[in-house]
Amino acid sequence: MIIKITKKTADIRLDRFLAKADAIWGKNQLSRSQIQKLIEQNIIKINGQPALSHAWLKSGDIISIKKNQTNSY
């Protein structure tokens, strides 16, 4: 899954953005601690680089998620 950050969705920490993004996880909403584990496992990246949970998102950033690997949560 690929998510492009816009001006409207920028200026928030990655873990907070993903915790609030119901459209990504559907019914299986993840907690911030679960998201942080996915980030540590390099399942979530920003602009193709390993992400940090405390990274602040900027307009134009690209978040990539290996969605098939998130099913264990």
N, C-alpha and C. Protein backbone atom coordinates (compact mmCIF):
# COMPACT_ATOMS: atom_id res chain seq x y z
N MET A 1 0.85 -1.17 0.00
CA MET A 1 0.00 0.00 0.00
C MET A 1 0.90 1.24 0.00
N ILE A 2 0.51 2.22 -0.78
CA ILE A 2 1.25 3.47 -0.88
C ILE A 2 0.32 4.62 -0.47
N ILE A 3 0.83 5.52 0.37
CA ILE A 3 0.07 6.69 0.81
C ILE A 3 0.92 7.92 0.55
N LYS A 4 0.36 8.88 -0.18
CA LYS A 4 1.07 10.14 -0.41
C LYS A 4 0.53 11.19 0.57
N ILE A 5 1.45 11.82 1.27
CA ILE A 5 1.08 12.84 2.25
C ILE A 5 0.86 14.17 1.53
N THR A 6 -0.25 14.80 1.83
CA THR A 6 -0.58 16.10 1.25
C THR A 6 -0.42 17.19 2.31
N LYS A 7 -0.61 18.43 1.91
CA LYS A 7 -0.55 19.52 2.89
C LYS A 7 -1.58 19.32 3.99
N LYS A 8 -2.72 18.76 3.62
CA LYS A 8 -3.81 18.54 4.57
C LYS A 8 -3.45 17.47 5.61
N THR A 9 -2.64 16.48 5.23
CA THR A 9 -2.31 15.40 6.14
C THR A 9 -0.89 15.49 6.69
N ALA A 10 -0.19 16.56 6.40
CA ALA A 10 1.19 16.74 6.87
C ALA A 10 1.22 17.28 8.30
N ASP A 11 2.43 17.42 8.82
CA ASP A 11 2.66 18.00 10.15
C ASP A 11 2.06 17.18 11.28
N ILE A 12 2.19 15.87 11.18
CA ILE A 12 1.78 14.96 12.23
C ILE A 12 2.83 13.84 12.28
N ARG A 13 3.01 13.27 13.46
CA ARG A 13 3.97 12.17 13.57
C ARG A 13 3.44 10.93 12.85
N LEU A 14 4.35 10.17 12.28
CA LEU A 14 3.98 8.97 11.53
C LEU A 14 3.10 8.03 12.34
N ASP A 15 3.49 7.72 13.56
CA ASP A 15 2.70 6.76 14.35
C ASP A 15 1.30 7.28 14.65
N ARG A 16 1.17 8.56 14.90
CA ARG A 16 -0.16 9.14 15.16
C ARG A 16 -1.01 9.14 13.89
N PHE A 17 -0.39 9.49 12.76
CA PHE A 17 -1.11 9.49 11.49
C PHE A 17 -1.67 8.09 11.19
N LEU A 18 -0.83 7.08 11.33
CA LEU A 18 -1.25 5.73 11.00
C LEU A 18 -2.27 5.19 12.00
N ALA A 19 -2.17 5.58 13.26
CA ALA A 19 -3.14 5.13 14.26
C ALA A 19 -4.53 5.70 13.99
N LYS A 20 -4.59 6.85 13.35
CA LYS A 20 -5.88 7.49 13.06
C LYS A 20 -6.41 7.12 11.68
N ALA A 21 -5.64 6.43 10.88
CA ALA A 21 -5.99 6.15 9.49
C ALA A 21 -6.82 4.87 9.38
N ASP A 22 -8.09 4.97 9.69
CA ASP A 22 -9.00 3.82 9.64
C ASP A 22 -9.02 3.16 8.27
N ALA A 23 -8.91 3.96 7.22
CA ALA A 23 -8.99 3.42 5.86
C ALA A 23 -7.87 2.44 5.55
N ILE A 24 -6.75 2.56 6.26
CA ILE A 24 -5.62 1.67 6.02
C ILE A 24 -5.88 0.31 6.63
N TRP A 25 -6.30 0.28 7.86
CA TRP A 25 -6.39 -0.97 8.62
C TRP A 25 -7.78 -1.58 8.58
N GLY A 26 -8.78 -0.82 8.19
CA GLY A 26 -10.14 -1.35 8.17
C GLY A 26 -10.64 -1.65 9.58
N LYS A 27 -11.25 -2.79 9.75
CA LYS A 27 -11.79 -3.18 11.06
C LYS A 27 -10.69 -3.50 12.06
N ASN A 28 -9.52 -3.83 11.58
CA ASN A 28 -8.42 -4.23 12.46
C ASN A 28 -7.56 -3.03 12.83
N GLN A 29 -8.17 -2.03 13.43
CA GLN A 29 -7.45 -0.82 13.84
C GLN A 29 -6.27 -1.19 14.72
N LEU A 30 -5.11 -0.63 14.44
CA LEU A 30 -3.90 -0.93 15.20
C LEU A 30 -3.61 0.18 16.21
N SER A 31 -3.05 -0.22 17.34
CA SER A 31 -2.63 0.76 18.34
C SER A 31 -1.30 1.37 17.90
N ARG A 32 -0.92 2.46 18.55
CA ARG A 32 0.37 3.08 18.23
C ARG A 32 1.51 2.15 18.55
N SER A 33 1.41 1.36 19.61
CA SER A 33 2.50 0.43 19.94
C SER A 33 2.62 -0.67 18.89
N GLN A 34 1.49 -1.14 18.34
CA GLN A 34 1.55 -2.13 17.26
C GLN A 34 2.16 -1.51 16.01
N ILE A 35 1.81 -0.27 15.72
CA ILE A 35 2.38 0.43 14.57
C ILE A 35 3.88 0.61 14.75
N GLN A 36 4.30 0.95 15.95
CA GLN A 36 5.73 1.11 16.22
C GLN A 36 6.48 -0.19 16.00
N LYS A 37 5.87 -1.34 16.32
CA LYS A 37 6.51 -2.62 16.06
C LYS A 37 6.66 -2.86 14.56
N LEU A 38 5.64 -2.50 13.79
CA LEU A 38 5.73 -2.64 12.33
C LEU A 38 6.83 -1.75 11.76
N ILE A 39 6.97 -0.56 12.31
CA ILE A 39 8.03 0.35 11.87
C ILE A 39 9.39 -0.25 12.20
N GLU A 40 9.55 -0.80 13.39
CA GLU A 40 10.82 -1.42 13.79
C GLU A 40 11.18 -2.60 12.90
N GLN A 41 10.17 -3.28 12.36
CA GLN A 41 10.38 -4.43 11.49
C GLN A 41 10.55 -4.03 10.02
N ASN A 42 10.63 -2.73 9.76
CA ASN A 42 10.77 -2.17 8.40
C ASN A 42 9.62 -2.54 7.48
N ILE A 43 8.44 -2.76 8.04
CA ILE A 43 7.26 -3.02 7.23
C ILE A 43 6.67 -1.70 6.74
N ILE A 44 6.93 -0.63 7.48
CA ILE A 44 6.47 0.71 7.10
C ILE A 44 7.70 1.57 6.80
N LYS A 45 7.68 2.21 5.63
CA LYS A 45 8.81 3.06 5.22
C LYS A 45 8.30 4.43 4.78
N ILE A 46 9.19 5.41 4.84
CA ILE A 46 8.89 6.75 4.33
C ILE A 46 9.88 7.03 3.21
N ASN A 47 9.37 7.36 2.05
CA ASN A 47 10.20 7.67 0.88
C ASN A 47 11.22 6.57 0.59
N GLY A 48 10.79 5.31 0.81
CA GLY A 48 11.64 4.16 0.52
C GLY A 48 12.70 3.87 1.56
N GLN A 49 12.76 4.66 2.60
CA GLN A 49 13.76 4.50 3.65
C GLN A 49 13.10 3.97 4.93
N PRO A 50 13.85 3.23 5.75
CA PRO A 50 13.28 2.79 7.02
C PRO A 50 12.73 4.00 7.80
N ALA A 51 11.53 3.82 8.33
CA ALA A 51 10.86 4.92 9.04
C ALA A 51 11.20 4.88 10.52
N LEU A 52 11.00 6.02 11.15
CA LEU A 52 11.06 6.14 12.60
C LEU A 52 9.67 6.54 13.07
N SER A 53 9.19 5.94 14.15
CA SER A 53 7.82 6.22 14.60
C SER A 53 7.62 7.69 14.95
N HIS A 54 8.68 8.35 15.40
CA HIS A 54 8.55 9.75 15.79
C HIS A 54 8.83 10.72 14.64
N ALA A 55 8.95 10.20 13.41
CA ALA A 55 9.20 11.06 12.25
C ALA A 55 7.97 11.93 11.98
N TRP A 56 8.22 13.19 11.67
CA TRP A 56 7.14 14.11 11.32
C TRP A 56 6.94 14.06 9.82
N LEU A 57 5.69 13.90 9.40
CA LEU A 57 5.37 13.80 7.98
C LEU A 57 5.31 15.17 7.34
N LYS A 58 5.84 15.23 6.10
CA LYS A 58 5.84 16.47 5.32
C LYS A 58 5.03 16.25 4.06
N SER A 59 4.50 17.31 3.52
CA SER A 59 3.79 17.23 2.26
C SER A 59 4.72 16.65 1.20
N GLY A 60 4.23 15.68 0.47
CA GLY A 60 5.03 15.03 -0.57
C GLY A 60 5.67 13.72 -0.13
N ASP A 61 5.71 13.46 1.17
CA ASP A 61 6.25 12.19 1.65
C ASP A 61 5.41 11.03 1.12
N ILE A 62 6.06 9.91 0.89
CA ILE A 62 5.39 8.69 0.45
C ILE A 62 5.59 7.63 1.53
N ILE A 63 4.49 7.14 2.08
CA ILE A 63 4.54 6.06 3.06
C ILE A 63 4.23 4.77 2.31
N SER A 64 5.07 3.76 2.50
CA SER A 64 4.79 2.45 1.91
C SER A 64 4.65 1.44 3.04
N ILE A 65 3.64 0.58 2.89
CA ILE A 65 3.33 -0.43 3.90
C ILE A 65 3.22 -1.77 3.20
N LYS A 66 3.96 -2.74 3.68
CA LYS A 66 3.85 -4.10 3.17
C LYS A 66 2.64 -4.72 3.86
N LYS A 67 1.48 -4.44 3.32
CA LYS A 67 0.20 -4.76 3.98
C LYS A 67 0.05 -6.25 4.29
N ASN A 68 0.50 -7.12 3.42
CA ASN A 68 0.32 -8.55 3.69
C ASN A 68 1.09 -9.01 4.92
N GLN A 69 2.04 -8.24 5.38
CA GLN A 69 2.81 -8.60 6.56
C GLN A 69 2.21 -8.01 7.84
N THR A 70 1.14 -7.25 7.74
CA THR A 70 0.53 -6.65 8.92
C THR A 70 -0.60 -7.52 9.47
N ASN A 71 -0.91 -8.62 8.82
CA ASN A 71 -2.05 -9.43 9.22
C ASN A 71 -1.88 -10.11 10.57
N SER A 72 -0.67 -10.20 11.08
CA SER A 72 -0.48 -10.87 12.35
C SER A 72 -0.92 -10.02 13.54
N TYR A 73 -1.31 -8.78 13.31
CA TYR A 73 -1.70 -7.91 14.41
C TYR A 73 -3.18 -7.87 14.57
